[in-house]
Amino acid sequence: MIVRLIVFVAIFFIGWWLYRQFVAFKRSQSPEEVKKKASSKKDEAQESMVRCAECKTFTPRSHAIHDQEARAFCSAEHLKIFNQKH
């Protein structure tokens, strides 16, 4: 009977040790993946802004309209007004 108890305790501690090793391994892996995911989300979420040459407001680069000289405008109307003035 005492042999069974010793075997049970030994199996329990081996299982507990394996579990702790697994958790430590997962913790060492996850911060890198979280940083990679966070940085990729951050890169996708942040977009550079450009200033409208006419009204001086900032517009996301993907929404801006550019003329031949690479000046940015917030709308086609402002591009037209700017071209009429100059």
PDB file of N, CA and C in Angstrom:
ATOM      1  N   MET A   1       0.815  -1.188   0.000  1.00  0.00           N
ATOM      2  CA  MET A   1       0.000   0.000   0.000  1.00  0.00           C
ATOM      3  C   MET A   1       0.860   1.254   0.000  1.00  0.00           C
ATOM      4  N   ILE A   2       1.929   1.267   0.760  1.00  0.00           N
ATOM      5  CA  ILE A   2       2.805   2.437   0.803  1.00  0.00           C
ATOM      6  C   ILE A   2       3.518   2.625  -0.533  1.00  0.00           C
ATOM      7  N   VAL A   3       3.758   1.510  -1.239  1.00  0.00           N
ATOM      8  CA  VAL A   3       4.414   1.592  -2.543  1.00  0.00           C
ATOM      9  C   VAL A   3       3.493   2.316  -3.529  1.00  0.00           C
ATOM     10  N   ARG A   4       2.202   2.003  -3.506  1.00  0.00           N
ATOM     11  CA  ARG A   4       1.235   2.677  -4.368  1.00  0.00           C
ATOM     12  C   ARG A   4       1.209   4.184  -4.093  1.00  0.00           C
ATOM     13  N   LEU A   5       1.234   4.561  -2.845  1.00  0.00           N
ATOM     14  CA  LEU A   5       1.231   5.964  -2.465  1.00  0.00           C
ATOM     15  C   LEU A   5       2.480   6.674  -2.984  1.00  0.00           C
ATOM     16  N   ILE A   6       3.631   6.038  -2.854  1.00  0.00           N
ATOM     17  CA  ILE A   6       4.886   6.631  -3.336  1.00  0.00           C
ATOM     18  C   ILE A   6       4.855   6.777  -4.859  1.00  0.00           C
ATOM     19  N   VAL A   7       4.354   5.773  -5.554  1.00  0.00           N
ATOM     20  CA  VAL A   7       4.246   5.829  -7.014  1.00  0.00           C
ATOM     21  C   VAL A   7       3.274   6.945  -7.411  1.00  0.00           C
ATOM     22  N   PHE A   8       2.153   7.041  -6.729  1.00  0.00           N
ATOM     23  CA  PHE A   8       1.169   8.082  -7.025  1.00  0.00           C
ATOM     24  C   PHE A   8       1.771   9.469  -6.825  1.00  0.00           C
ATOM     25  N   VAL A   9       2.477   9.681  -5.737  1.00  0.00           N
ATOM     26  CA  VAL A   9       3.104  10.977  -5.453  1.00  0.00           C
ATOM     27  C   VAL A   9       4.165  11.282  -6.505  1.00  0.00           C
ATOM     28  N   ALA A  10       4.961  10.286  -6.889  1.00  0.00           N
ATOM     29  CA  ALA A  10       5.993  10.487  -7.911  1.00  0.00           C
ATOM     30  C   ALA A  10       5.354  10.871  -9.247  1.00  0.00           C
ATOM     31  N   ILE A  11       4.290  10.181  -9.646  1.00  0.00           N
ATOM     32  CA  ILE A  11       3.600  10.504 -10.898  1.00  0.00           C
ATOM     33  C   ILE A  11       3.007  11.909 -10.831  1.00  0.00           C
ATOM     34  N   PHE A  12       2.441  12.270  -9.688  1.00  0.00           N
ATOM     35  CA  PHE A  12       1.879  13.595  -9.511  1.00  0.00           C
ATOM     36  C   PHE A  12       2.944  14.676  -9.696  1.00  0.00           C
ATOM     37  N   PHE A  13       4.106  14.510  -9.055  1.00  0.00           N
ATOM     38  CA  PHE A  13       5.155  15.519  -9.167  1.00  0.00           C
ATOM     39  C   PHE A  13       5.760  15.588 -10.568  1.00  0.00           C
ATOM     40  N   ILE A  14       5.880  14.471 -11.234  1.00  0.00           N
ATOM     41  CA  ILE A  14       6.369  14.481 -12.610  1.00  0.00           C
ATOM     42  C   ILE A  14       5.378  15.216 -13.506  1.00  0.00           C
ATOM     43  N   GLY A  15       4.097  14.954 -13.335  1.00  0.00           N
ATOM     44  CA  GLY A  15       3.071  15.651 -14.102  1.00  0.00           C
ATOM     45  C   GLY A  15       3.063  17.142 -13.815  1.00  0.00           C
ATOM     46  N   TRP A  16       3.197  17.487 -12.553  1.00  0.00           N
ATOM     47  CA  TRP A  16       3.233  18.899 -12.168  1.00  0.00           C
ATOM     48  C   TRP A  16       4.448  19.587 -12.772  1.00  0.00           C
ATOM     49  N   TRP A  17       5.615  18.940 -12.745  1.00  0.00           N
ATOM     50  CA  TRP A  17       6.833  19.504 -13.315  1.00  0.00           C
ATOM     51  C   TRP A  17       6.681  19.698 -14.827  1.00  0.00           C
ATOM     52  N   LEU A  18       6.107  18.706 -15.520  1.00  0.00           N
ATOM     53  CA  LEU A  18       5.884  18.829 -16.957  1.00  0.00           C
ATOM     54  C   LEU A  18       4.923  19.977 -17.268  1.00  0.00           C
ATOM     55  N   TYR A  19       3.876  20.120 -16.476  1.00  0.00           N
ATOM     56  CA  TYR A  19       2.928  21.210 -16.672  1.00  0.00           C
ATOM     57  C   TYR A  19       3.620  22.569 -16.517  1.00  0.00           C
ATOM     58  N   ARG A  20       4.459  22.721 -15.494  1.00  0.00           N
ATOM     59  CA  ARG A  20       5.165  23.986 -15.267  1.00  0.00           C
ATOM     60  C   ARG A  20       6.128  24.290 -16.415  1.00  0.00           C
ATOM     61  N   GLN A  21       6.791  23.264 -16.939  1.00  0.00           N
ATOM     62  CA  GLN A  21       7.684  23.458 -18.079  1.00  0.00           C
ATOM     63  C   GLN A  21       6.897  23.907 -19.308  1.00  0.00           C
ATOM     64  N   PHE A  22       5.744  23.319 -19.520  1.00  0.00           N
ATOM     65  CA  PHE A  22       4.897  23.688 -20.655  1.00  0.00           C
ATOM     66  C   PHE A  22       4.424  25.130 -20.532  1.00  0.00           C
ATOM     67  N   VAL A  23       3.980  25.531 -19.356  1.00  0.00           N
ATOM     68  CA  VAL A  23       3.514  26.904 -19.134  1.00  0.00           C
ATOM     69  C   VAL A  23       4.662  27.891 -19.334  1.00  0.00           C
ATOM     70  N   ALA A  24       5.838  27.576 -18.834  1.00  0.00           N
ATOM     71  CA  ALA A  24       6.990  28.465 -19.002  1.00  0.00           C
ATOM     72  C   ALA A  24       7.358  28.580 -20.477  1.00  0.00           C
ATOM     73  N   PHE A  25       7.276  27.496 -21.214  1.00  0.00           N
ATOM     74  CA  PHE A  25       7.564  27.526 -22.649  1.00  0.00           C
ATOM     75  C   PHE A  25       6.557  28.399 -23.380  1.00  0.00           C
ATOM     76  N   LYS A  26       5.292  28.270 -23.070  1.00  0.00           N
ATOM     77  CA  LYS A  26       4.261  29.076 -23.712  1.00  0.00           C
ATOM     78  C   LYS A  26       4.432  30.557 -23.390  1.00  0.00           C
ATOM     79  N   ARG A  27       4.793  30.872 -22.172  1.00  0.00           N
ATOM     80  CA  ARG A  27       5.006  32.275 -21.794  1.00  0.00           C
ATOM     81  C   ARG A  27       6.189  32.863 -22.540  1.00  0.00           C
ATOM     82  N   SER A  28       7.221  32.074 -22.755  1.00  0.00           N
ATOM     83  CA  SER A  28       8.385  32.585 -23.484  1.00  0.00           C
ATOM     84  C   SER A  28       8.060  32.797 -24.955  1.00  0.00           C
ATOM     85  N   GLN A  29       7.110  32.058 -25.494  1.00  0.00           N
ATOM     86  CA  GLN A  29       6.729  32.196 -26.895  1.00  0.00           C
ATOM     87  C   GLN A  29       5.740  33.332 -27.116  1.00  0.00           C
ATOM     88  N   SER A  30       4.793  33.518 -26.224  1.00  0.00           N
ATOM     89  CA  SER A  30       3.693  34.442 -26.474  1.00  0.00           C
ATOM     90  C   SER A  30       4.079  35.924 -26.517  1.00  0.00           C
ATOM     91  N   PRO A  31       4.990  36.463 -25.724  1.00  0.00           N
ATOM     92  CA  PRO A  31       5.282  37.897 -25.828  1.00  0.00           C
ATOM     93  C   PRO A  31       5.807  38.297 -27.204  1.00  0.00           C
ATOM     94  N   GLU A  32       6.596  37.453 -27.831  1.00  0.00           N
ATOM     95  CA  GLU A  32       7.104  37.775 -29.161  1.00  0.00           C
ATOM     96  C   GLU A  32       5.970  37.824 -30.171  1.00  0.00           C
ATOM     97  N   GLU A  33       5.069  36.850 -30.090  1.00  0.00           N
ATOM     98  CA  GLU A  33       3.946  36.824 -31.018  1.00  0.00           C
ATOM     99  C   GLU A  33       3.001  37.990 -30.759  1.00  0.00           C
ATOM    100  N   VAL A  34       2.796  38.332 -29.500  1.00  0.00           N
ATOM    101  CA  VAL A  34       1.925  39.463 -29.172  1.00  0.00           C
ATOM    102  C   VAL A  34       2.542  40.750 -29.704  1.00  0.00           C
ATOM    103  N   LYS A  35       3.864  40.900 -29.556  1.00  0.00           N
ATOM    104  CA  LYS A  35       4.535  42.095 -30.064  1.00  0.00           C
ATOM    105  C   LYS A  35       4.423  42.168 -31.583  1.00  0.00           C
ATOM    106  N   LYS A  36       4.595  41.023 -32.248  1.00  0.00           N
ATOM    107  CA  LYS A  36       4.488  40.999 -33.708  1.00  0.00           C
ATOM    108  C   LYS A  36       3.081  41.365 -34.148  1.00  0.00           C
ATOM    109  N   LYS A  37       2.079  40.790 -33.480  1.00  0.00           N
ATOM    110  CA  LYS A  37       0.693  41.087 -33.830  1.00  0.00           C
ATOM    111  C   LYS A  37       0.365  42.546 -33.539  1.00  0.00           C
ATOM    112  N   ALA A  38       0.826  43.054 -32.401  1.00  0.00           N
ATOM    113  CA  ALA A  38       0.541  44.442 -32.035  1.00  0.00           C
ATOM    114  C   ALA A  38       1.223  45.404 -32.999  1.00  0.00           C
ATOM    115  N   SER A  39       2.448  45.106 -33.373  1.00  0.00           N
ATOM    116  CA  SER A  39       3.142  46.013 -34.291  1.00  0.00           C
ATOM    117  C   SER A  39       2.515  45.987 -35.671  1.00  0.00           C
ATOM    118  N   SER A  40       2.067  44.817 -36.117  1.00  0.00           N
ATOM    119  CA  SER A  40       1.421  44.764 -37.434  1.00  0.00           C
ATOM    120  C   SER A  40       0.075  45.474 -37.401  1.00  0.00           C
ATOM    121  N   LYS A  41      -0.667  45.340 -36.311  1.00  0.00           N
ATOM    122  CA  LYS A  41      -1.931  46.062 -36.185  1.00  0.00           C
ATOM    123  C   LYS A  41      -1.672  47.563 -36.117  1.00  0.00           C
ATOM    124  N   LYS A  42      -0.627  47.940 -35.406  1.00  0.00           N
ATOM    125  CA  LYS A  42      -0.296  49.350 -35.268  1.00  0.00           C
ATOM    126  C   LYS A  42       0.075  49.934 -36.631  1.00  0.00           C
ATOM    127  N   ASP A  43       0.872  49.195 -37.406  1.00  0.00           N
ATOM    128  CA  ASP A  43       1.251  49.662 -38.733  1.00  0.00           C
ATOM    129  C   ASP A  43       0.038  49.801 -39.639  1.00  0.00           C
ATOM    130  N   GLU A  44      -0.893  48.850 -39.535  1.00  0.00           N
ATOM    131  CA  GLU A  44      -2.089  48.923 -40.354  1.00  0.00           C
ATOM    132  C   GLU A  44      -3.007  50.052 -39.904  1.00  0.00           C
ATOM    133  N   ALA A  45      -3.086  50.293 -38.606  1.00  0.00           N
ATOM    134  CA  ALA A  45      -4.011  51.287 -38.085  1.00  0.00           C
ATOM    135  C   ALA A  45      -3.503  52.708 -38.296  1.00  0.00           C
ATOM    136  N   GLN A  46      -2.199  52.913 -38.254  1.00  0.00           N
ATOM    137  CA  GLN A  46      -1.662  54.253 -38.396  1.00  0.00           C
ATOM    138  C   GLN A  46      -1.328  54.524 -39.850  1.00  0.00           C
ATOM    139  N   GLU A  47      -1.842  55.623 -40.346  1.00  0.00           N
ATOM    140  CA  GLU A  47      -1.587  56.027 -41.715  1.00  0.00           C
ATOM    141  C   GLU A  47      -1.058  57.449 -41.684  1.00  0.00           C
ATOM    142  N   SER A  48      -0.140  57.738 -42.573  1.00  0.00           N
ATOM    143  CA  SER A  48       0.421  59.085 -42.574  1.00  0.00           C
ATOM    144  C   SER A  48      -0.616  60.088 -43.068  1.00  0.00           C
ATOM    145  N   MET A  49      -0.509  61.295 -42.542  1.00  0.00           N
ATOM    146  CA  MET A  49      -1.442  62.363 -42.871  1.00  0.00           C
ATOM    147  C   MET A  49      -0.726  63.388 -43.747  1.00  0.00           C
ATOM    148  N   VAL A  50      -1.483  63.990 -44.645  1.00  0.00           N
ATOM    149  CA  VAL A  50      -0.948  65.060 -45.497  1.00  0.00           C
ATOM    150  C   VAL A  50      -1.815  66.298 -45.328  1.00  0.00           C
ATOM    151  N   ARG A  51      -1.210  67.461 -45.528  1.00  0.00           N
ATOM    152  CA  ARG A  51      -1.922  68.720 -45.351  1.00  0.00           C
ATOM    153  C   ARG A  51      -2.446  69.213 -46.693  1.00  0.00           C
ATOM    154  N   CYS A  52      -3.695  69.606 -46.699  1.00  0.00           N
ATOM    155  CA  CYS A  52      -4.318  70.150 -47.903  1.00  0.00           C
ATOM    156  C   CYS A  52      -3.646  71.483 -48.242  1.00  0.00           C
ATOM    157  N   ALA A  53      -3.260  71.650 -49.499  1.00  0.00           N
ATOM    158  CA  ALA A  53      -2.588  72.879 -49.919  1.00  0.00           C
ATOM    159  C   ALA A  53      -3.532  74.078 -49.914  1.00  0.00           C
ATOM    160  N   GLU A  54      -4.822  73.837 -49.944  1.00  0.00           N
ATOM    161  CA  GLU A  54      -5.797  74.924 -49.989  1.00  0.00           C
ATOM    162  C   GLU A  54      -6.263  75.332 -48.592  1.00  0.00           C
ATOM    163  N   CYS A  55      -6.818  74.404 -47.837  1.00  0.00           N
ATOM    164  CA  CYS A  55      -7.421  74.765 -46.544  1.00  0.00           C
ATOM    165  C   CYS A  55      -6.538  74.425 -45.342  1.00  0.00           C
ATOM    166  N   LYS A  56      -5.420  73.773 -45.578  1.00  0.00           N
ATOM    167  CA  LYS A  56      -4.430  73.433 -44.542  1.00  0.00           C
ATOM    168  C   LYS A  56      -4.929  72.423 -43.507  1.00  0.00           C
ATOM    169  N   THR A  57      -5.960  71.676 -43.816  1.00  0.00           N
ATOM    170  CA  THR A  57      -6.401  70.624 -42.904  1.00  0.00           C
ATOM    171  C   THR A  57      -5.670  69.327 -43.248  1.00  0.00           C
ATOM    172  N   PHE A  58      -5.572  68.450 -42.277  1.00  0.00           N
ATOM    173  CA  PHE A  58      -4.894  67.177 -42.494  1.00  0.00           C
ATOM    174  C   PHE A  58      -5.883  66.127 -42.957  1.00  0.00           C
ATOM    175  N   THR A  59      -5.423  65.308 -43.901  1.00  0.00           N
ATOM    176  CA  THR A  59      -6.229  64.250 -44.492  1.00  0.00           C
ATOM    177  C   THR A  59      -5.372  62.989 -44.571  1.00  0.00           C
ATOM    178  N   PRO A  60      -5.951  61.812 -44.368  1.00  0.00           N
ATOM    179  CA  PRO A  60      -5.155  60.587 -44.561  1.00  0.00           C
ATOM    180  C   PRO A  60      -4.625  60.510 -45.991  1.00  0.00           C
ATOM    181  N   ARG A  61      -3.421  60.024 -46.129  1.00  0.00           N
ATOM    182  CA  ARG A  61      -2.781  59.977 -47.448  1.00  0.00           C
ATOM    183  C   ARG A  61      -3.618  59.206 -48.466  1.00  0.00           C
ATOM    184  N   SER A  62      -4.283  58.149 -48.040  1.00  0.00           N
ATOM    185  CA  SER A  62      -5.076  57.350 -48.983  1.00  0.00           C
ATOM    186  C   SER A  62      -6.328  58.083 -49.455  1.00  0.00           C
ATOM    187  N   HIS A  63      -6.790  59.084 -48.712  1.00  0.00           N
ATOM    188  CA  HIS A  63      -7.988  59.837 -49.084  1.00  0.00           C
ATOM    189  C   HIS A  63      -7.656  61.111 -49.862  1.00  0.00           C
ATOM    190  N   ALA A  64      -6.408  61.503 -49.841  1.00  0.00           N
ATOM    191  CA  ALA A  64      -6.012  62.771 -50.462  1.00  0.00           C
ATOM    192  C   ALA A  64      -5.988  62.649 -51.983  1.00  0.00           C
ATOM    193  N   ILE A  65      -6.170  63.793 -52.633  1.00  0.00           N
ATOM    194  CA  ILE A  65      -6.074  63.905 -54.082  1.00  0.00           C
ATOM    195  C   ILE A  65      -4.811  64.708 -54.375  1.00  0.00           C
ATOM    196  N   HIS A  66      -3.981  64.196 -55.275  1.00  0.00           N
ATOM    197  CA  HIS A  66      -2.706  64.843 -55.571  1.00  0.00           C
ATOM    198  C   HIS A  66      -2.722  65.415 -56.988  1.00  0.00           C
ATOM    199  N   ASP A  67      -2.058  66.556 -57.152  1.00  0.00           N
ATOM    200  CA  ASP A  67      -1.920  67.122 -58.494  1.00  0.00           C
ATOM    201  C   ASP A  67      -0.604  66.647 -59.114  1.00  0.00           C
ATOM    202  N   GLN A  68      -0.241  67.202 -60.268  1.00  0.00           N
ATOM    203  CA  GLN A  68       0.954  66.751 -60.976  1.00  0.00           C
ATOM    204  C   GLN A  68       2.237  67.049 -60.205  1.00  0.00           C
ATOM    205  N   GLU A  69       2.207  68.045 -59.365  1.00  0.00           N
ATOM    206  CA  GLU A  69       3.393  68.417 -58.595  1.00  0.00           C
ATOM    207  C   GLU A  69       3.394  67.815 -57.198  1.00  0.00           C
ATOM    208  N   ALA A  70       2.580  66.790 -56.988  1.00  0.00           N
ATOM    209  CA  ALA A  70       2.501  66.008 -55.747  1.00  0.00           C
ATOM    210  C   ALA A  70       2.001  66.819 -54.557  1.00  0.00           C
ATOM    211  N   ARG A  71       1.264  67.889 -54.806  1.00  0.00           N
ATOM    212  CA  ARG A  71       0.623  68.612 -53.706  1.00  0.00           C
ATOM    213  C   ARG A  71      -0.642  67.860 -53.341  1.00  0.00           C
ATOM    214  N   ALA A  72      -0.934  67.794 -52.065  1.00  0.00           N
ATOM    215  CA  ALA A  72      -2.099  67.040 -51.591  1.00  0.00           C
ATOM    216  C   ALA A  72      -3.277  67.981 -51.354  1.00  0.00           C
ATOM    217  N   PHE A  73      -4.479  67.470 -51.642  1.00  0.00           N
ATOM    218  CA  PHE A  73      -5.723  68.215 -51.414  1.00  0.00           C
ATOM    219  C   PHE A  73      -6.725  67.283 -50.757  1.00  0.00           C
ATOM    220  N   CYS A  74      -7.583  67.860 -49.917  1.00  0.00           N
ATOM    221  CA  CYS A  74      -8.561  67.041 -49.210  1.00  0.00           C
ATOM    222  C   CYS A  74      -9.763  66.699 -50.090  1.00  0.00           C
ATOM    223  N   SER A  75      -9.996  67.464 -51.154  1.00  0.00           N
ATOM    224  CA  SER A  75     -11.121  67.171 -52.047  1.00  0.00           C
ATOM    225  C   SER A  75     -10.821  67.686 -53.444  1.00  0.00           C
ATOM    226  N   ALA A  76     -11.609  67.237 -54.397  1.00  0.00           N
ATOM    227  CA  ALA A  76     -11.452  67.693 -55.776  1.00  0.00           C
ATOM    228  C   ALA A  76     -11.798  69.175 -55.894  1.00  0.00           C
ATOM    229  N   GLU A  77     -12.739  69.635 -55.070  1.00  0.00           N
ATOM    230  CA  GLU A  77     -13.099  71.059 -55.076  1.00  0.00           C
ATOM    231  C   GLU A  77     -11.900  71.929 -54.713  1.00  0.00           C
ATOM    232  N   HIS A  78     -11.173  71.530 -53.686  1.00  0.00           N
ATOM    233  CA  HIS A  78     -10.018  72.326 -53.273  1.00  0.00           C
ATOM    234  C   HIS A  78      -8.919  72.287 -54.321  1.00  0.00           C
ATOM    235  N   LEU A  79      -8.770  71.180 -55.009  1.00  0.00           N
ATOM    236  CA  LEU A  79      -7.815  71.115 -56.104  1.00  0.00           C
ATOM    237  C   LEU A  79      -8.203  72.096 -57.212  1.00  0.00           C
ATOM    238  N   LYS A  80      -9.467  72.121 -57.537  1.00  0.00           N
ATOM    239  CA  LYS A  80      -9.983  73.030 -58.577  1.00  0.00           C
ATOM    240  C   LYS A  80      -9.796  74.489 -58.150  1.00  0.00           C
ATOM    241  N   ILE A  81     -10.141  74.826 -56.915  1.00  0.00           N
ATOM    242  CA  ILE A  81      -9.985  76.202 -56.415  1.00  0.00           C
ATOM    243  C   ILE A  81      -8.524  76.618 -56.423  1.00  0.00           C
ATOM    244  N   PHE A  82      -7.654  75.726 -55.993  1.00  0.00           N
ATOM    245  CA  PHE A  82      -6.212  76.022 -55.961  1.00  0.00           C
ATOM    246  C   PHE A  82      -5.693  76.274 -57.363  1.00  0.00           C
ATOM    247  N   ASN A  83      -6.120  75.464 -58.321  1.00  0.00           N
ATOM    248  CA  ASN A  83      -5.669  75.652 -59.707  1.00  0.00           C
ATOM    249  C   ASN A  83      -6.191  76.951 -60.298  1.00  0.00           C
ATOM    250  N   GLN A  84      -7.381  77.385 -59.891  1.00  0.00           N
ATOM    251  CA  GLN A  84      -7.939  78.650 -60.385  1.00  0.00           C
ATOM    252  C   GLN A  84      -7.172  79.841 -59.833  1.00  0.00           C
ATOM    253  N   LYS A  85      -6.724  79.722 -58.574  1.00  0.00           N
ATOM    254  CA  LYS A  85      -5.993  80.821 -57.949  1.00  0.00           C
ATOM    255  C   LYS A  85      -4.589  80.954 -58.524  1.00  0.00           C
ATOM    256  N   HIS A  86      -3.979  79.839 -58.865  1.00  0.00           N
ATOM    257  CA  HIS A  86      -2.568  79.878 -59.289  1.00  0.00           C
ATOM    258  C   HIS A  86      -2.470  79.569 -60.724  1.00  0.00           C
TER     259      HIS A  86
END
